[in-house]
Amino acid sequence: MKDQVLDRIFNNPSFPDKFERLELDDHFCIIDTSEQVQRFAERPEEVIQGKDVRLSFPEFIGLENVLKAILKGEQELFELQAIGRGSENKVHLYIDIYIISEQYENKLIVIIEDVTDKLVLKQKLAQQANAKNLLSSALISYKNYMDQVITAMADALFITSNVGKIKKVNRAAQQLFGFTEEELINQPISLIIDDDEFLIQAIHKHSFFQKNFQNLEVVCRTKTREKRGSIHFWQKDLNS
């Protein structure tokens, strides 16, 4: 585990730009640092040789037993992930901290990685996914609502594509014309229209309409070809 982490760190193309280092003695005091490690500290002014690391990196408070276990070789590695740095109202960067030991010299090596870009990207992707899920839920809720409205309508309703294929039909239409939903879906609307030449003209010649919607009155027949008189037919441009 320790070797895998070190290999990932030192073979990273962004090293050393994304990584800084601290070395601690067995009392958790700083004995050496990389040049810019202060930029990752909660209190940069306390990153001084001989000072307790817990003054500059308060995340180490409460980890004393873990640090001692690493020093003794009882534990190889300890990680602290996604630690935020910044003001009270805004996080400016995120860091991961890896703690290992140099047992021959009885000291701890602390490697700090700047993971701001990775965390910000992850947050954006999560926000986008959440927004997409919210939109999807809203659309599903709207569709379910419209389905309930259509189903409850007392008037017969057919929804067709722009080539006249039936895409949706309510219960009243099924009862009025004697067809089941399965018999109607994806069938041409001419199945129930008596004057299909007039209907074909209306569907295929958009210049026939003065506006996007046009109220047509056509004669319809049931499954048994019984005449049902004139009904109104509205057409809107839809995908086939």
Protein backbone atom coordinates (compact mmCIF):
# COMPACT_ATOMS: atom_id res chain seq x y z
CA MET A 1 0.00 0.00 0.00
CA LYS A 2 2.77 2.42 0.98
CA ASP A 3 4.78 1.61 -2.15
CA GLN A 4 1.73 2.07 -4.36
CA VAL A 5 1.06 5.52 -2.94
CA LEU A 6 4.70 6.60 -3.27
CA ASP A 7 4.84 5.31 -6.82
CA ARG A 8 1.70 7.27 -7.70
CA ILE A 9 3.12 10.43 -6.15
CA PHE A 10 6.63 10.39 -7.56
CA ASN A 11 5.57 9.22 -11.01
CA ASN A 12 2.90 11.91 -11.25
CA PRO A 13 3.58 14.30 -14.20
CA SER A 14 2.64 17.27 -12.00
CA PHE A 15 5.25 16.47 -9.34
CA PRO A 16 6.62 18.64 -7.73
CA ASP A 17 4.05 21.34 -8.59
CA LYS A 18 1.22 19.54 -6.80
CA PHE A 19 3.20 18.14 -3.87
CA GLU A 20 4.99 19.53 -0.82
CA ARG A 21 6.81 17.79 2.04
CA LEU A 22 7.27 17.95 5.79
CA GLU A 23 9.62 15.88 7.97
CA LEU A 24 8.78 15.39 11.66
CA ASP A 25 10.68 13.96 14.60
CA ASP A 26 9.23 11.53 17.13
CA HIS A 27 7.76 14.47 19.07
CA PHE A 28 5.91 15.66 15.94
CA CYS A 29 8.13 18.71 15.60
CA ILE A 30 9.17 19.96 12.15
CA ILE A 31 12.76 19.11 11.23
CA ASP A 32 12.66 19.89 7.51
CA THR A 33 10.27 21.23 4.86
CA SER A 34 9.97 21.73 1.13
CA GLU A 35 10.10 25.32 -0.11
CA GLN A 36 6.38 26.08 -0.45
CA VAL A 37 4.72 23.79 2.07
CA GLN A 38 3.42 26.88 3.93
CA ARG A 39 0.77 27.42 1.25
CA PHE A 40 -0.98 24.25 2.46
CA ALA A 41 -0.89 25.12 6.18
CA GLU A 42 -3.80 26.42 8.22
CA ARG A 43 -1.32 28.76 9.95
CA PRO A 44 1.60 29.31 7.54
CA GLU A 45 3.54 31.43 10.03
CA GLU A 46 3.89 28.37 12.30
CA VAL A 47 5.65 26.22 9.67
CA ILE A 48 9.08 26.63 11.27
CA GLN A 49 11.74 24.07 12.11
CA GLY A 50 11.45 23.02 15.73
CA LYS A 51 7.75 23.92 15.95
CA ASP A 52 5.05 21.35 16.66
CA VAL A 53 3.33 20.46 13.37
CA ARG A 54 -0.04 20.60 15.11
CA LEU A 55 0.28 24.38 15.34
CA SER A 56 0.32 24.77 11.55
CA PHE A 57 -1.66 21.67 10.59
CA PRO A 58 -4.39 21.18 13.22
CA GLU A 59 -5.54 18.02 11.40
CA PHE A 60 -2.74 16.20 13.25
CA ILE A 61 -4.40 16.87 16.60
CA GLY A 62 -5.89 13.59 17.83
CA LEU A 63 -3.69 11.48 15.55
CA GLU A 64 -0.87 11.07 18.02
CA ASN A 65 -1.40 7.31 18.50
CA VAL A 66 -1.57 6.79 14.74
CA LEU A 67 1.66 8.73 14.22
CA LYS A 68 3.42 6.70 16.93
CA ALA A 69 2.21 3.47 15.31
CA ILE A 70 3.67 4.59 11.97
CA LEU A 71 6.98 5.48 13.62
CA LYS A 72 7.16 2.02 15.21
CA GLY A 73 6.38 0.31 11.92
CA GLU A 74 3.07 -1.00 13.19
CA GLN A 75 1.26 0.90 10.43
CA GLU A 76 2.59 1.71 6.97
CA LEU A 77 0.52 4.67 5.92
CA PHE A 78 -2.17 7.10 7.02
CA GLU A 79 -4.16 9.36 4.70
CA LEU A 80 -6.23 12.49 5.26
CA GLN A 81 -8.33 13.40 2.23
CA ALA A 82 -10.11 16.49 0.87
CA ILE A 83 -9.02 18.95 3.55
CA GLY A 84 -10.22 22.45 2.70
CA ARG A 85 -8.18 25.62 3.05
CA GLY A 86 -9.51 29.15 2.74
CA SER A 87 -11.58 31.83 4.42
CA GLU A 88 -14.74 31.20 6.43
CA ASN A 89 -16.98 31.76 3.41
CA LYS A 90 -14.94 30.18 0.61
CA VAL A 91 -12.58 27.24 0.17
CA HIS A 92 -9.57 28.20 -1.96
CA LEU A 93 -7.87 24.83 -2.22
CA TYR A 94 -8.14 21.20 -1.17
CA ILE A 95 -5.31 18.94 -0.06
CA ASP A 96 -4.70 15.27 0.63
CA ILE A 97 -2.11 14.37 3.30
CA TYR A 98 -0.08 11.13 3.31
CA ILE A 99 1.95 10.17 6.38
CA ILE A 100 4.68 7.53 6.22
CA SER A 101 7.81 6.80 8.26
CA GLU A 102 11.53 6.75 7.66
CA GLN A 103 12.23 4.12 10.32
CA TYR A 104 16.00 4.12 10.01
CA GLU A 105 16.05 7.79 11.00
CA ASN A 106 13.02 7.58 13.33
CA LYS A 107 11.11 10.34 11.58
CA LEU A 108 7.81 10.88 9.83
CA ILE A 109 7.49 12.00 6.22
CA VAL A 110 4.38 14.03 5.45
CA ILE A 111 3.53 14.42 1.75
CA ILE A 112 0.84 16.95 0.88
CA GLU A 113 -0.92 16.91 -2.47
CA ASP A 114 -2.90 19.76 -4.02
CA VAL A 115 -6.13 18.11 -5.20
CA THR A 116 -8.08 21.32 -5.81
CA ASP A 117 -8.58 20.81 -9.55
CA LYS A 118 -9.64 17.21 -9.06
CA LEU A 119 -12.12 18.06 -6.29
CA VAL A 120 -13.57 21.07 -8.12
CA LEU A 121 -14.10 18.97 -11.26
CA LYS A 122 -15.69 16.23 -9.20
CA GLN A 123 -18.02 18.75 -7.56
CA LYS A 124 -19.00 20.24 -10.94
CA LEU A 125 -19.73 16.81 -12.36
CA ALA A 126 -21.80 15.97 -9.28
CA GLN A 127 -23.72 19.25 -9.60
CA GLN A 128 -24.37 18.61 -13.30
CA ALA A 129 -25.54 15.09 -12.55
CA ASN A 130 -27.79 16.38 -9.77
CA ALA A 131 -29.25 19.07 -12.05
CA LYS A 132 -29.84 16.47 -14.75
CA ASN A 133 -31.55 14.17 -12.25
CA LEU A 134 -33.75 17.03 -10.99
CA LEU A 135 -34.73 17.93 -14.55
CA SER A 136 -35.43 14.30 -15.35
CA SER A 137 -37.57 13.96 -12.22
CA ALA A 138 -39.47 17.15 -13.10
CA LEU A 139 -40.13 15.90 -16.64
CA ILE A 140 -41.27 12.51 -15.35
CA SER A 141 -43.58 14.21 -12.83
CA TYR A 142 -44.98 16.47 -15.56
CA LYS A 143 -45.49 13.51 -17.91
CA ASN A 144 -47.23 11.52 -15.17
CA TYR A 145 -49.47 14.51 -14.43
CA MET A 146 -50.35 14.97 -18.09
CA ASP A 147 -51.02 11.24 -18.43
CA GLN A 148 -53.46 11.46 -15.54
CA VAL A 149 -55.18 14.50 -17.08
CA ILE A 150 -55.46 12.82 -20.48
CA THR A 151 -56.72 9.57 -18.97
CA ALA A 152 -59.37 11.40 -16.93
CA MET A 153 -60.68 13.47 -19.87
CA ALA A 154 -64.28 12.80 -20.81
CA ASP A 155 -63.59 13.75 -24.45
CA ALA A 156 -61.81 11.41 -26.83
CA LEU A 157 -58.21 12.45 -27.48
CA PHE A 158 -55.66 11.30 -30.06
CA ILE A 159 -52.08 12.57 -30.20
CA THR A 160 -50.31 11.94 -33.51
CA SER A 161 -46.91 12.49 -35.09
CA ASN A 162 -46.40 14.84 -38.02
CA VAL A 163 -46.99 11.95 -40.42
CA GLY A 164 -50.28 11.03 -38.79
CA LYS A 165 -49.21 8.06 -36.63
CA ILE A 166 -51.12 7.72 -33.37
CA LYS A 167 -48.73 8.16 -30.43
CA LYS A 168 -51.17 8.47 -27.53
CA VAL A 169 -54.86 7.81 -27.00
CA ASN A 170 -57.01 8.17 -23.89
CA ARG A 171 -59.61 5.83 -22.42
CA ALA A 172 -62.55 7.85 -23.73
CA ALA A 173 -61.29 7.45 -27.31
CA GLN A 174 -60.89 3.71 -26.87
CA GLN A 175 -64.44 3.40 -25.56
CA LEU A 176 -65.89 5.65 -28.26
CA PHE A 177 -64.26 3.89 -31.21
CA GLY A 178 -64.11 0.34 -29.88
CA PHE A 179 -60.34 -0.10 -30.26
CA THR A 180 -57.84 -1.09 -27.58
CA GLU A 181 -54.80 1.08 -26.95
CA GLU A 182 -52.56 -1.61 -28.48
CA GLU A 183 -54.67 -1.59 -31.66
CA LEU A 184 -54.31 2.17 -32.05
CA ILE A 185 -50.73 3.04 -31.06
CA ASN A 186 -48.44 3.60 -34.09
CA GLN A 187 -51.36 3.13 -36.46
CA PRO A 188 -52.26 5.89 -38.96
CA ILE A 189 -54.97 8.28 -37.80
CA SER A 190 -56.73 7.44 -41.05
CA LEU A 191 -57.78 4.22 -39.29
CA ILE A 192 -60.66 6.17 -37.75
CA ILE A 193 -61.01 9.01 -40.27
CA ASP A 194 -63.57 8.65 -43.03
CA ASP A 195 -62.24 11.40 -45.30
CA ASP A 196 -58.59 10.34 -45.34
CA GLU A 197 -57.68 12.25 -48.52
CA PHE A 198 -58.58 15.53 -46.80
CA LEU A 199 -56.60 14.45 -43.73
CA ILE A 200 -53.49 13.49 -45.75
CA GLN A 201 -53.57 16.90 -47.42
CA ALA A 202 -53.78 18.56 -44.02
CA ILE A 203 -50.91 16.53 -42.58
CA HIS A 204 -48.39 16.73 -45.40
CA LYS A 205 -48.99 20.24 -46.76
CA HIS A 206 -47.96 22.64 -44.04
CA SER A 207 -48.88 25.62 -46.25
CA PHE A 208 -52.45 24.39 -45.86
CA PHE A 209 -52.42 25.92 -42.40
CA GLN A 210 -52.54 29.62 -41.68
CA LYS A 211 -51.03 29.08 -38.22
CA ASN A 212 -49.10 26.38 -36.32
CA PHE A 213 -52.39 24.94 -35.11
CA GLN A 214 -55.49 24.48 -37.24
CA ASN A 215 -58.89 23.17 -36.15
CA LEU A 216 -60.16 20.59 -38.64
CA GLU A 217 -63.57 18.96 -38.62
CA VAL A 218 -63.63 15.42 -40.00
CA VAL A 219 -65.97 12.40 -40.04
CA CYS A 220 -64.86 9.36 -38.01
CA ARG A 221 -65.84 5.72 -37.83
CA THR A 222 -65.56 3.06 -35.13
CA LYS A 223 -63.81 -0.29 -35.36
CA THR A 224 -67.05 -1.74 -36.76
CA ARG A 225 -67.13 1.16 -39.27
CA GLU A 226 -70.08 2.76 -37.51
CA LYS A 227 -70.19 6.48 -38.20
CA ARG A 228 -69.54 8.70 -35.21
CA GLY A 229 -70.32 12.03 -36.91
CA SER A 230 -67.95 14.97 -37.09
CA ILE A 231 -65.17 15.53 -34.59
CA HIS A 232 -62.54 18.23 -34.28
CA PHE A 233 -58.94 17.39 -35.13
CA TRP A 234 -56.01 19.64 -34.13
CA GLN A 235 -52.61 19.13 -35.68
CA LYS A 236 -49.25 20.36 -34.43
CA ASP A 237 -45.87 19.72 -36.05
CA LEU A 238 -44.27 16.78 -34.18
CA ASN A 239 -41.47 14.36 -34.96
CA SER A 240 -42.56 11.17 -36.66
